[in-house]
Each structure stands twice: as C-alpha cells, then as structure tokens.
C-alpha cells in the first residue's frame, strides 16, 4: 500500500482527534490511530473507549487499500517538528512495516493489525436525527460548557443538556451555583427528545468546529450520540439519567434591572477581585441610581478595594455579593456590549442577559448570590 499526503493536512487532522486519547487506556490498542485507506481518502479513528473521533483526509498517488493501526506518539511527534511538505507512505502488507519518506529524510516503524481495534456500534433503529448549523452548535456548546459540574454524586450535571423541541432547541448546563440556558429558534427538529452530552466530547467538539463547516448532523438514541461534521465525526456514550427541571429554578419576578457595559464590568471585577478573600473570592455590588460600586476585602491581609462604574439603574437601591470568578466567566461568555442584571433581592438568584442577543438566540445566565460579608470602608 502507498499514498501521498500533505504533512500540514495530516498534522492538523491527527492533532484534532488525538485530544480524545487519554494515555491511561485499559486497552493498549487505544494508544493507536486506526488508519483505513480507501481510494483517495484516508480515514483515521481515535478512541478512548467512551468517545470516538473520526476524520477523513484527502490523499493522492494511492496504491492498494487496507486497515492497520499506527502508534499515535510515533507518528505525531516527528510531524510536529516537520515543515510543510509532501509525505510518501509505503506500507508493507505482509509485516505492516511503514516507511515515511519526505524531502530530505525518512523514518520507519511497525504498524499493528486492525482486527483488534474496537468497532463502533450502530445506533438503535429508532434513533432520533436532526441537523443544525455548525455555528448554532458552536454557540450552544461555547455558551454552556463552562457551567457544567464535576459532581460524582449527580453525574447528570456533568454535561450539556440538549432539550430538543419540534420548533426550537435549548442548550442547558448548571453546577448548582450558576446556570446557562440558550434557546436557538433556528433549530427545527420536528420532534421532542433530549440527551445529556458529556463534558469531554463537548470540549472536543468546541475545538474542531469552525464557522465554515456547514451543517452538523446529530443522531442519538438512549445511550449514544453521533455528531457528523464536514471532516470530522464524534461518537460518544451519553450521560444516563434525568436532567433537573431547569425552568423551575429560573425566577420570573426579578424586577430590579441594571444595564452595564460588559467589558467595563469585567475589567473592574478583575481589578477589585485582587482584594477579595482568597477563600471566598467575594465581591460586593452596591447598586444605586445609575452607579454601580464594586468592592472587595480580605480581612486576613487587611486589604480593601472599591471602584465605581456608570450604569443604568432606577429601581430600589441594593447590595448583593457574588463570587468574582463565576461572574467573570459568565460575562466573558455573553456576546453583547451591554448586559442586564435582573435582581429581586440580596438572597435570590440573579439573572444576567445580553442586551442584544445573536440572531435566533435567547441567552440567559443565572448566578446564585453569596451571603454578604461585613465590608469596611
């Protein structure tokens, strides 16, 4: 078997799918890539047993076809140091010795038999399927991933909830301290179903999706999901269990509303949080007519900081405490120059929404307040 491939193409595709490899596999065969040569396409698979990534790479000067496994480290490490050029692969079909020839050198190694590599199971015949734009999928995952939990006692919180309705779709994630809900009206599946995508495949998807990938096809049954992009496919085991009724925790009567510049608020939080207690990372918001005062204090080190920001606010004066790093994460994720804080009082959940949503999207962030510590000054 022989083929040619551009080193940069091979490197970019292998690097993308290699993120699924853990280095702690119970099956040694999963430390390898599965190569499948068929006509002018090289299909490469990487898996950790629960999540599988597949990519297709264009190849030329192809002679023969076949399947074999390649040690991931042996192939990737030299490619990382190689300038862009054409690579010539020559595979001995008898002993699976691979020779890689390039502009001013060559190297070789032994491949393995593909028969030992685990096969990807088919989804149930009753599996659901729908399509959405890659940008809609990227926005859904990118807006919610940071709010997923790491909770061994409640594994259903450790992923992104895909709540599929006939005329729209909702992405949800929560770690009980914060919650994100993104409704996308452009996704019209035509049926009602749901599943929980684990954090690892969601992270992998976010790393490979680009705006020009066109449509993404999502197929899922009760246990597994498969997401097909233009050049990549991810298959994974889903998180089993019932996601909490997220709508019931979103308050309906937060009538005190403050509009503030998103970046101004982020910058102030970063400066003032330096003075926050290392144990709590708490900052205090003192909201009065058109002025937001942000303050923080660490009594153990006798430090205190305060800063004022212009805002738009004409409701009841209020004080409320937040964990600064949670608030910065939320504000960094919102795609709007201005954000609106919707509050009830100092003890109930605060909603943060963009003043201007992306087209066809309705984004809502929820953060639980902290009990205010006694601040000096």
Protein backbone atom coordinates (compact mmCIF):
# COMPACT_ATOMS: atom_id res chain seq x y z
CA UNK A 1 0.00 0.00 0.00
CA UNK A 2 1.19 3.50 -0.86
CA UNK A 3 -0.14 7.03 -0.68
CA UNK A 4 0.91 10.68 -0.55
CA UNK A 5 -0.41 13.27 1.89
CA UNK A 6 0.46 16.87 2.71
CA UNK A 7 2.18 16.99 6.11
CA UNK A 8 0.17 20.00 7.31
CA UNK A 9 -3.14 18.28 6.45
CA UNK A 10 -2.10 15.11 8.25
CA UNK A 11 -0.80 17.02 11.24
CA UNK A 12 -3.89 19.21 11.69
CA UNK A 13 -6.33 16.31 11.47
CA UNK A 14 -4.33 13.97 13.70
CA UNK A 15 -3.76 16.70 16.30
CA UNK A 16 -7.50 17.38 16.42
CA UNK A 17 -8.56 13.79 17.01
CA UNK A 18 -5.58 12.96 19.27
CA UNK A 19 -7.23 15.05 22.00
CA UNK A 20 -9.54 12.12 22.66
CA UNK A 21 -6.61 9.90 23.67
CA UNK A 22 -6.02 9.70 27.42
CA UNK A 23 -2.68 7.91 27.87
CA UNK A 24 -4.37 5.80 30.57
CA UNK A 25 -6.27 3.36 28.39
CA UNK A 26 -7.16 -0.05 29.78
CA UNK A 27 -6.82 -1.36 26.21
CA UNK A 28 -3.29 -0.76 24.82
CA UNK A 29 -4.69 -0.80 21.26
CA UNK A 30 -6.38 2.55 22.01
CA UNK A 31 -2.97 4.25 22.16
CA UNK A 32 -3.02 3.95 18.36
CA UNK A 33 -4.75 5.60 15.44
CA UNK A 34 -6.76 3.32 13.17
CA UNK A 35 -5.85 4.02 9.52
CA UNK A 36 -8.20 2.95 6.72
CA UNK A 37 -7.14 3.58 3.10
CA UNK A 38 -9.93 3.59 0.53
CA UNK A 39 -9.46 5.15 -2.92
CA UNK A 40 -8.38 8.80 -2.37
CA UNK A 41 -9.37 9.04 1.29
CA UNK A 42 -7.51 8.22 4.48
CA UNK A 43 -9.97 7.62 7.31
CA UNK A 44 -8.38 7.94 10.75
CA UNK A 45 -10.02 6.93 14.04
CA UNK A 46 -9.02 7.73 17.63
CA UNK A 47 -10.90 6.49 20.71
CA UNK A 48 -10.73 6.20 24.49
CA UNK A 49 -13.48 3.58 24.60
CA UNK A 50 -16.28 6.01 25.51
CA UNK A 51 -15.64 8.73 22.91
CA UNK A 52 -14.53 8.12 19.34
CA UNK A 53 -13.37 10.70 16.80
CA UNK A 54 -13.08 10.03 13.08
CA UNK A 55 -11.61 12.26 10.39
CA UNK A 56 -11.20 11.95 6.63
CA UNK A 57 -8.05 13.24 4.90
CA UNK A 58 -7.54 13.59 1.15
CA UNK A 59 -4.61 11.55 -0.20
CA UNK A 60 -3.07 11.08 -3.64
CA UNK A 61 -0.96 8.55 -5.59
CA UNK A 62 -2.83 5.77 -3.84
CA UNK A 63 -1.90 2.13 -4.44
CA UNK A 64 -3.93 -0.55 -2.70
CA UNK A 65 -6.31 -0.36 0.25
CA UNK A 66 -6.34 -1.69 3.77
CA UNK A 67 -6.66 -1.16 7.51
CA UNK A 68 -3.97 -1.03 10.22
CA UNK A 69 -3.19 0.74 13.49
CA UNK A 70 -0.39 3.30 13.93
CA UNK A 71 1.21 4.31 17.27
CA UNK A 72 -0.07 7.85 17.83
CA UNK A 73 3.07 9.20 19.51
CA UNK A 74 5.42 7.67 16.92
CA UNK A 75 3.57 9.42 14.12
CA UNK A 76 2.65 12.72 15.77
CA UNK A 77 5.95 13.67 17.42
CA UNK A 78 8.00 13.85 14.17
CA UNK A 79 5.15 15.63 12.37
CA UNK A 80 5.18 18.42 14.97
CA UNK A 81 8.76 19.28 14.00
CA UNK A 82 8.33 18.93 10.24
CA UNK A 83 7.83 21.87 7.82
CA UNK A 84 5.01 21.63 5.31
CA UNK A 85 5.82 19.19 2.53
CA UNK A 86 4.51 16.10 0.78
CA UNK A 87 4.91 12.82 2.66
CA UNK A 88 5.11 9.45 0.92
CA UNK A 89 3.84 6.45 2.90
CA UNK A 90 4.88 2.96 1.86
CA UNK A 91 3.28 0.12 3.85
CA UNK A 92 4.44 -3.49 3.59
CA UNK A 93 1.24 -5.54 3.55
CA UNK A 94 2.95 -8.63 4.96
CA UNK A 95 4.65 -7.35 8.12
CA UNK A 96 2.97 -3.89 8.28
CA UNK A 97 6.29 -2.03 8.33
CA UNK A 98 5.68 1.60 7.40
CA UNK A 99 8.24 3.82 5.67
CA UNK A 100 7.59 7.57 5.61
CA UNK A 101 9.66 9.45 3.02
CA UNK A 102 9.94 13.24 2.98
CA UNK A 103 12.09 15.92 1.30
CA UNK A 104 15.40 15.19 2.99
CA UNK A 105 14.86 12.05 5.02
CA UNK A 106 12.76 9.08 6.03
CA UNK A 107 11.71 7.13 9.09
CA UNK A 108 10.00 3.82 9.62
CA UNK A 109 8.09 1.91 12.28
CA UNK A 110 5.86 -1.13 12.63
CA UNK A 111 2.09 -0.83 12.45
CA UNK A 112 -0.39 -3.21 14.05
CA UNK A 113 -3.31 -5.30 12.90
CA UNK A 114 -6.64 -3.52 12.74
CA UNK A 115 -8.69 -6.54 13.79
CA UNK A 116 -8.02 -5.85 17.48
CA UNK A 117 -9.30 -2.26 17.29
CA UNK A 118 -12.82 -1.99 18.79
CA UNK A 119 -15.61 -1.44 16.30
CA UNK A 120 -18.07 1.41 16.61
CA UNK A 121 -21.54 0.11 17.48
CA UNK A 122 -24.51 1.18 15.39
CA UNK A 123 -27.21 3.31 16.97
CA UNK A 124 -30.70 1.90 17.52
CA UNK A 125 -33.05 1.80 14.55
CA UNK A 126 -35.36 4.17 16.48
CA UNK A 127 -32.61 6.77 16.91
CA UNK A 128 -33.53 10.43 16.51
CA UNK A 129 -31.79 12.64 13.96
CA UNK A 130 -31.73 16.37 13.28
CA UNK A 131 -29.45 18.94 11.67
CA UNK A 132 -28.28 22.37 12.73
CA UNK A 133 -25.64 24.81 11.54
CA UNK A 134 -22.15 24.34 12.91
CA UNK A 135 -22.34 27.92 14.20
CA UNK A 136 -25.50 27.13 16.18
CA UNK A 137 -23.81 24.06 17.67
CA UNK A 138 -20.66 26.04 18.47
CA UNK A 139 -22.67 28.80 20.17
CA UNK A 140 -24.68 26.27 22.16
CA UNK A 141 -21.64 24.41 23.43
CA UNK A 142 -19.48 27.53 23.87
CA UNK A 143 -22.14 29.29 25.93
CA UNK A 144 -22.83 26.40 28.31
CA UNK A 145 -19.67 24.31 28.70
CA UNK A 146 -18.14 26.45 31.47
CA UNK A 147 -21.24 25.94 33.64
CA UNK A 148 -21.08 22.12 33.66
CA UNK A 149 -20.35 20.48 37.00
CA UNK A 150 -17.82 17.93 38.29
CA UNK A 151 -20.18 16.13 40.63
CA UNK A 152 -19.69 12.41 41.24
CA UNK A 153 -22.95 12.25 43.21
CA UNK A 154 -25.03 13.84 40.44
CA UNK A 155 -23.44 12.82 37.12
CA UNK A 156 -26.36 14.27 35.13
CA UNK A 157 -24.95 17.72 35.94
CA UNK A 158 -21.59 16.88 34.35
CA UNK A 159 -22.65 17.59 30.79
CA UNK A 160 -24.69 19.80 28.47
CA UNK A 161 -28.41 19.10 28.26
CA UNK A 162 -29.78 19.15 24.70
CA UNK A 163 -33.52 19.80 25.07
CA UNK A 164 -34.93 19.26 21.57
CA UNK A 165 -38.38 20.59 20.70
CA UNK A 166 -40.19 20.49 17.33
CA UNK A 167 -39.63 24.22 16.59
CA UNK A 168 -36.56 25.13 18.64
CA UNK A 169 -33.77 23.72 20.76
CA UNK A 170 -32.39 24.58 24.19
CA UNK A 171 -28.85 24.05 25.48
CA UNK A 172 -28.59 23.97 29.30
CA UNK A 173 -25.80 23.48 31.82
CA UNK A 174 -25.61 24.03 35.57
CA UNK A 175 -23.33 23.29 38.52
CA UNK A 176 -25.95 24.48 41.06
CA UNK A 177 -24.07 27.77 41.59
CA UNK A 178 -24.68 29.02 38.07
CA UNK A 179 -26.93 28.03 35.18
CA UNK A 180 -26.91 28.79 31.47
CA UNK A 181 -29.88 28.40 29.14
CA UNK A 182 -29.57 29.14 25.43
CA UNK A 183 -32.64 28.79 23.20
CA UNK A 184 -31.97 28.62 19.45
CA UNK A 185 -35.03 29.21 17.29
CA UNK A 186 -33.28 28.21 14.05
CA UNK A 187 -33.11 24.51 15.01
CA UNK A 188 -36.34 22.81 13.92
CA UNK A 189 -36.03 19.10 14.59
CA UNK A 190 -39.73 18.32 14.19
CA UNK A 191 -39.83 16.09 17.27
CA UNK A 192 -39.39 16.25 21.05
CA UNK A 193 -36.49 14.46 22.74
CA UNK A 194 -33.45 15.15 24.90
CA UNK A 195 -30.00 13.88 25.87
CA UNK A 196 -27.03 14.88 28.04
CA UNK A 197 -23.72 15.28 26.19
CA UNK A 198 -20.70 14.62 28.48
CA UNK A 199 -18.13 17.32 29.02
CA UNK A 200 -15.26 15.61 27.17
CA UNK A 201 -16.94 15.20 23.76
CA UNK A 202 -18.44 18.68 24.15
CA UNK A 203 -14.94 20.10 24.70
CA UNK A 204 -13.63 18.17 21.69
CA UNK A 205 -16.47 19.44 19.52
CA UNK A 206 -15.81 23.03 20.50
CA UNK A 207 -12.15 22.63 19.50
CA UNK A 208 -12.88 21.40 15.96
CA UNK A 209 -16.00 23.31 14.91
CA UNK A 210 -15.38 26.27 12.67
CA UNK A 211 -17.83 28.70 11.14
CA UNK A 212 -17.43 27.34 7.60
CA UNK A 213 -18.29 23.72 8.39
CA UNK A 214 -21.85 23.99 7.16
CA UNK A 215 -24.42 21.66 8.67
CA UNK A 216 -23.88 19.35 11.63
CA UNK A 217 -25.97 16.18 11.76
CA UNK A 218 -26.84 14.87 15.23
CA UNK A 219 -28.06 11.29 15.66
CA UNK A 220 -28.80 9.83 19.10
CA UNK A 221 -30.57 7.04 20.93
CA UNK A 222 -30.99 6.38 24.65
CA UNK A 223 -27.31 5.57 25.23
CA UNK A 224 -25.13 7.10 22.49
CA UNK A 225 -24.86 10.07 20.16
CA UNK A 226 -23.10 10.67 16.86
CA UNK A 227 -22.34 14.15 15.54
CA UNK A 228 -21.22 14.42 11.92
CA UNK A 229 -19.39 17.50 10.66
CA UNK A 230 -17.83 18.07 7.26
CA UNK A 231 -14.45 16.49 8.02
CA UNK A 232 -14.98 15.03 11.49
CA UNK A 233 -17.33 12.71 13.33
CA UNK A 234 -17.67 12.27 17.09
CA UNK A 235 -19.45 9.32 18.67
CA UNK A 236 -19.85 9.09 22.42
CA UNK A 237 -21.67 7.44 25.27
CA UNK A 238 -24.30 9.73 26.76
CA UNK A 239 -24.83 10.51 30.43
CA UNK A 240 -27.77 8.44 31.63
CA UNK A 241 -30.35 9.92 33.97
CA UNK A 242 -32.88 12.70 34.09
CA UNK A 243 -31.70 16.31 33.95
CA UNK A 244 -33.34 18.57 36.59
CA UNK A 245 -36.29 20.75 35.60
CA UNK A 246 -34.20 23.81 34.86
CA UNK A 247 -37.12 26.12 34.06
CA UNK A 248 -38.42 25.82 37.63
CA UNK A 249 -35.29 27.45 39.10
CA UNK A 250 -35.34 30.50 36.80
CA UNK A 251 -37.06 33.34 38.69
CA UNK A 252 -39.93 35.13 36.97
CA UNK A 253 -40.18 38.32 39.03
CA UNK A 254 -36.72 39.87 39.18
CA UNK A 255 -37.99 43.38 38.65
CA UNK A 256 -34.85 45.37 39.60
CA UNK A 257 -32.88 45.79 36.39
CA UNK A 258 -29.42 47.22 35.87
CA UNK A 259 -27.75 47.68 32.47
CA UNK A 260 -23.96 47.99 32.45
CA UNK A 261 -21.15 47.78 29.93
CA UNK A 262 -19.97 44.19 29.82
CA UNK A 263 -16.26 44.88 29.31
CA UNK A 264 -16.25 47.72 31.86
CA UNK A 265 -17.72 45.32 34.41
CA UNK A 266 -15.19 42.58 33.58
CA UNK A 267 -12.24 44.96 33.88
CA UNK A 268 -13.48 46.31 37.22
CA UNK A 269 -14.05 42.80 38.59
CA UNK A 270 -10.54 41.75 37.61
CA UNK A 271 -9.01 44.72 39.39
CA UNK A 272 -11.17 44.61 42.50
CA UNK A 273 -11.12 40.82 42.93
CA UNK A 274 -7.40 41.13 43.71
CA UNK A 275 -8.52 42.42 47.10
CA UNK A 276 -11.09 39.67 47.69
CA UNK A 277 -10.72 36.93 50.27
CA UNK A 278 -8.80 34.02 48.81
CA UNK A 279 -11.26 31.64 50.45
CA UNK A 280 -14.46 33.14 49.02
CA UNK A 281 -13.39 35.39 46.11
CA UNK A 282 -16.38 37.52 47.07
CA UNK A 283 -17.10 40.95 45.61
CA UNK A 284 -19.93 43.20 46.72
CA UNK A 285 -22.20 45.12 44.36
CA UNK A 286 -23.73 48.29 45.81
CA UNK A 287 -26.29 49.42 43.22
CA UNK A 288 -27.85 52.87 43.44
CA UNK A 289 -29.21 55.30 40.89
CA UNK A 290 -27.04 54.92 37.75
CA UNK A 291 -23.96 53.96 39.80
CA UNK A 292 -22.58 50.51 40.49
CA UNK A 293 -19.94 50.34 43.23
CA UNK A 294 -17.86 47.17 43.27
CA UNK A 295 -15.81 46.40 46.38
CA UNK A 296 -13.83 43.55 47.90
CA UNK A 297 -11.98 42.96 51.15
CA UNK A 298 -9.65 40.38 52.68
CA UNK A 299 -9.60 40.91 56.43
CA UNK A 300 -6.81 38.38 56.89
CA UNK A 301 -4.42 40.60 54.91
CA UNK A 302 -6.07 43.96 55.78
CA UNK A 303 -6.63 44.90 52.12
CA UNK A 304 -9.65 46.56 50.55
CA UNK A 305 -10.55 47.88 47.11
CA UNK A 306 -13.52 49.72 45.62
CA UNK A 307 -14.42 51.13 42.23
CA UNK A 308 -17.45 52.83 40.67
CA UNK A 309 -18.98 52.14 37.24
CA UNK A 310 -21.66 54.12 35.46
CA UNK A 311 -24.75 52.02 34.81
CA UNK A 312 -28.44 52.44 34.05
CA UNK A 313 -30.50 51.75 37.18
CA UNK A 314 -33.57 53.46 38.66
CA UNK A 315 -35.02 50.77 40.92
CA UNK A 316 -34.61 50.01 44.63
CA UNK A 317 -31.04 50.53 45.95
CA UNK A 318 -29.48 47.14 46.60
CA UNK A 319 -26.41 45.35 47.89
CA UNK A 320 -25.57 41.85 46.72
CA UNK A 321 -22.50 39.61 46.82
CA UNK A 322 -21.07 37.40 44.07
CA UNK A 323 -18.15 35.08 43.57
CA UNK A 324 -15.95 37.17 41.25
CA UNK A 325 -14.55 34.34 39.13
CA UNK A 326 -18.04 32.95 38.43
CA UNK A 327 -19.25 36.38 37.39
CA UNK A 328 -16.24 36.96 35.11
CA UNK A 329 -16.84 33.57 33.43
CA UNK A 330 -20.45 34.50 32.76
CA UNK A 331 -19.65 37.95 31.40
CA UNK A 332 -16.86 36.60 29.19
CA UNK A 333 -19.34 34.23 27.56
CA UNK A 334 -22.07 36.75 26.74
CA UNK A 335 -21.82 38.12 23.16
CA UNK A 336 -23.12 41.63 23.81
CA UNK A 337 -21.54 45.01 24.56
CA UNK A 338 -24.05 45.60 27.33
CA UNK A 339 -25.63 43.19 29.81
CA UNK A 340 -28.69 43.43 32.00
CA UNK A 341 -28.66 42.23 35.62
CA UNK A 342 -32.16 41.25 36.76
CA UNK A 343 -32.43 41.10 40.55
CA UNK A 344 -35.08 40.51 43.21
CA UNK A 345 -33.09 40.95 46.42
CA UNK A 346 -29.74 40.07 48.00
CA UNK A 347 -30.63 36.42 48.62
CA UNK A 348 -32.32 35.16 45.47
CA UNK A 349 -30.85 34.15 42.12
CA UNK A 350 -29.69 36.92 39.79
CA UNK A 351 -30.31 36.69 36.04
CA UNK A 352 -27.83 38.13 33.55
CA UNK A 353 -28.88 38.50 29.92
CA UNK A 354 -27.37 40.22 26.88
CA UNK A 355 -28.99 43.49 25.89
CA UNK A 356 -28.65 42.30 22.28
CA UNK A 357 -28.89 38.57 21.53
CA UNK A 358 -27.42 36.83 18.50
CA UNK A 359 -29.92 36.22 15.72
CA UNK A 360 -32.41 33.44 16.58
CA UNK A 361 -30.95 33.07 20.09
CA UNK A 362 -32.23 33.78 23.59
CA UNK A 363 -29.40 33.54 26.13
CA UNK A 364 -29.92 33.60 29.89
CA UNK A 365 -27.36 33.21 32.67
CA UNK A 366 -28.23 32.62 36.31
CA UNK A 367 -25.87 33.06 39.25
CA UNK A 368 -26.57 32.45 42.91
CA UNK A 369 -25.54 35.30 45.24
CA UNK A 370 -23.26 34.90 48.25
CA UNK A 371 -24.11 35.92 51.78
CA UNK A 372 -22.51 39.30 52.21
CA UNK A 373 -19.52 39.51 54.49
CA UNK A 374 -19.01 42.64 56.60
CA UNK A 375 -17.11 45.12 54.45
CA UNK A 376 -15.22 48.02 55.89
CA UNK A 377 -14.77 51.46 54.41
